[in-house]
Amino acid sequence: MQAVRFLFSPDGRLPQTPFIYGAAAIYAAGIASHWLTTPGVIARAGLWPFVVVQALLTWVWFALHAGRLRDAARPVGLAAGVALLYALSLVLLVIVAASFFNNAGEVPDANTAGALGLILLASILAVLLGAPHYDLAWLMVAALTAAALVPVIVAVVFTVWAATRPRREGEGA
């Protein structure tokens, strides 16, 4: 019961070692949750399973970081700001994905959607890595790619920062 409480409640304090294990599990679950965006899953259930899992993971991420920051006598608002930045990037991702997949997640042919995604990825990589001239399109793709990665980079850097904060003075283990 204690494990469920520290995963879902932003109250209380969380020492470094459990925080590191919890954060690693959250990031692993976040990576695994992208399986919910495969064409087969989206064809059957739409984007909703991915949205629900990401919302849950974002809340658990916040709860873990709030407990760790409270243990280190730091303001919890920092974790709320990073979680909000990540949530906003997820909203943008879902809007783009929903419009890409037509009618908010209903894909007439999952194989077509998978092929389109692969072609889109290949064209972005080709533009970024081998464009003979750097025109406005390359600059826009690079800027959008960087903007998409910023919330993830901020979250990871914030996690490392929170994990390295010393425990509040005068408190027991």
Foldseek 3Di string as FASTA:
>chain_A
DVVVCLQQALDAADALPVLVVQVVVLVVVLVVLCVCVQLVNLQVPFCVVSLVSLVSSLNSLLSSLSRLCVQLVHDSVVSVVLSVLVVVLVVVVQVVVLVLCDPRRHHPDSVVSVVVVVVVVVVLCCLQPPDPDDDPVSVVSVVVVVSSCVSVVVSVVVSVVSSPRDGDPPDDD
